[in-house]
Amino acid sequence: MADPTVIECASACTVTVVHELSLPPLQLTPEEGAQIAVAVLVVWAVGWGVRQLTRLIQTSGPSTEKED
């Protein structure tokens, strides 16, 4: 949290101003960050699995090469 700036008036008033940069991605807790990381890894793993399955299906089909 930012340090507050205190402004004292000549009369009996005090004004406190707090400057704070508020960006939601920077306010994640470690648990929330871990959940996002796990979700990204799961999506990546599913995509990799689909790619491997596609390659397996393409290479295990009948051969189209002519035999001599």
C-alpha atoms as a PDB file:
ATOM      1  CA  MET A   1       0.000   0.000   0.000  1.00  0.00           C
ATOM      2  CA  ALA A   2       1.221   3.498  -0.765  1.00  0.00           C
ATOM      3  CA  ASP A   3       2.336   5.848   1.967  1.00  0.00           C
ATOM      4  CA  PRO A   4      -0.325   8.467   2.667  1.00  0.00           C
ATOM      5  CA  THR A   5       0.431  12.121   2.064  1.00  0.00           C
ATOM      6  CA  VAL A   6      -0.737  14.283   4.954  1.00  0.00           C
ATOM      7  CA  ILE A   7      -1.558  17.932   4.286  1.00  0.00           C
ATOM      8  CA  GLU A   8      -1.981  20.126   7.338  1.00  0.00           C
ATOM      9  CA  CYS A   9      -3.991  23.312   7.019  1.00  0.00           C
ATOM     10  CA  ALA A  10      -3.433  26.546   8.946  1.00  0.00           C
ATOM     11  CA  SER A  11      -6.828  26.086  10.584  1.00  0.00           C
ATOM     12  CA  ALA A  12      -7.968  22.966  12.426  1.00  0.00           C
ATOM     13  CA  CYS A  13      -8.186  20.560   9.480  1.00  0.00           C
ATOM     14  CA  THR A  14      -6.073  17.678   8.232  1.00  0.00           C
ATOM     15  CA  VAL A  15      -6.395  16.133   4.783  1.00  0.00           C
ATOM     16  CA  THR A  16      -4.917  12.713   4.028  1.00  0.00           C
ATOM     17  CA  VAL A  17      -4.402  11.726   0.401  1.00  0.00           C
ATOM     18  CA  VAL A  18      -3.500   8.156  -0.521  1.00  0.00           C
ATOM     19  CA  HIS A  19      -2.137   7.490  -4.010  1.00  0.00           C
ATOM     20  CA  GLU A  20      -2.509   3.846  -4.955  1.00  0.00           C
ATOM     21  CA  LEU A  21      -2.122   2.054  -8.261  1.00  0.00           C
ATOM     22  CA  SER A  22      -4.897  -0.498  -8.492  1.00  0.00           C
ATOM     23  CA  LEU A  23      -4.466  -3.126 -11.224  1.00  0.00           C
ATOM     24  CA  PRO A  24      -6.412  -6.355 -10.656  1.00  0.00           C
ATOM     25  CA  PRO A  25      -3.730  -8.695 -12.104  1.00  0.00           C
ATOM     26  CA  LEU A  26      -1.220  -7.286  -9.627  1.00  0.00           C
ATOM     27  CA  GLN A  27      -3.523  -7.915  -6.675  1.00  0.00           C
ATOM     28  CA  LEU A  28      -3.676 -11.703  -6.987  1.00  0.00           C
ATOM     29  CA  THR A  29      -2.982 -13.834  -3.971  1.00  0.00           C
ATOM     30  CA  PRO A  30      -0.519 -16.705  -4.425  1.00  0.00           C
ATOM     31  CA  GLU A  31      -3.426 -19.168  -4.365  1.00  0.00           C
ATOM     32  CA  GLU A  32      -5.252 -17.313  -7.143  1.00  0.00           C
ATOM     33  CA  GLY A  33      -2.056 -17.148  -9.191  1.00  0.00           C
ATOM     34  CA  ALA A  34      -1.554 -20.885  -8.724  1.00  0.00           C
ATOM     35  CA  GLN A  35      -5.117 -21.580  -9.877  1.00  0.00           C
ATOM     36  CA  ILE A  36      -4.544 -19.580 -13.057  1.00  0.00           C
ATOM     37  CA  ALA A  37      -1.216 -21.343 -13.671  1.00  0.00           C
ATOM     38  CA  VAL A  38      -2.819 -24.773 -13.247  1.00  0.00           C
ATOM     39  CA  ALA A  39      -5.651 -23.824 -15.616  1.00  0.00           C
ATOM     40  CA  VAL A  40      -3.148 -22.702 -18.273  1.00  0.00           C
ATOM     41  CA  LEU A  41      -1.162 -25.929 -17.889  1.00  0.00           C
ATOM     42  CA  VAL A  42      -4.305 -28.064 -18.166  1.00  0.00           C
ATOM     43  CA  VAL A  43      -5.364 -26.303 -21.379  1.00  0.00           C
ATOM     44  CA  TRP A  44      -1.846 -26.746 -22.780  1.00  0.00           C
ATOM     45  CA  ALA A  45      -1.788 -30.451 -21.814  1.00  0.00           C
ATOM     46  CA  VAL A  46      -5.181 -31.101 -23.420  1.00  0.00           C
ATOM     47  CA  GLY A  47      -4.037 -29.383 -26.622  1.00  0.00           C
ATOM     48  CA  TRP A  48      -0.818 -31.414 -26.640  1.00  0.00           C
ATOM     49  CA  GLY A  49      -2.797 -34.629 -26.096  1.00  0.00           C
ATOM     50  CA  VAL A  50      -5.151 -33.842 -28.965  1.00  0.00           C
ATOM     51  CA  ARG A  51      -2.160 -33.118 -31.196  1.00  0.00           C
ATOM     52  CA  GLN A  52      -0.517 -36.426 -30.299  1.00  0.00           C
ATOM     53  CA  LEU A  53      -3.772 -38.313 -30.878  1.00  0.00           C
ATOM     54  CA  THR A  54      -4.160 -36.644 -34.279  1.00  0.00           C
ATOM     55  CA  ARG A  55      -0.614 -37.623 -35.250  1.00  0.00           C
ATOM     56  CA  LEU A  56      -1.228 -41.199 -34.116  1.00  0.00           C
ATOM     57  CA  ILE A  57      -4.402 -41.464 -36.176  1.00  0.00           C
ATOM     58  CA  GLN A  58      -2.722 -39.984 -39.267  1.00  0.00           C
ATOM     59  CA  THR A  59       0.311 -42.277 -39.117  1.00  0.00           C
ATOM     60  CA  SER A  60      -1.537 -45.499 -38.221  1.00  0.00           C
ATOM     61  CA  GLY A  61      -3.809 -45.524 -41.270  1.00  0.00           C
ATOM     62  CA  PRO A  62      -3.269 -47.691 -44.323  1.00  0.00           C
ATOM     63  CA  SER A  63      -0.122 -46.995 -46.268  1.00  0.00           C
ATOM     64  CA  THR A  64      -0.567 -45.261 -49.618  1.00  0.00           C
ATOM     65  CA  GLU A  65       2.919 -46.138 -50.872  1.00  0.00           C
ATOM     66  CA  LYS A  66       3.204 -48.474 -53.841  1.00  0.00           C
ATOM     67  CA  GLU A  67       5.165 -51.652 -53.326  1.00  0.00           C
ATOM     68  CA  ASP A  68       7.661 -52.752 -55.959  1.00  0.00           C
END
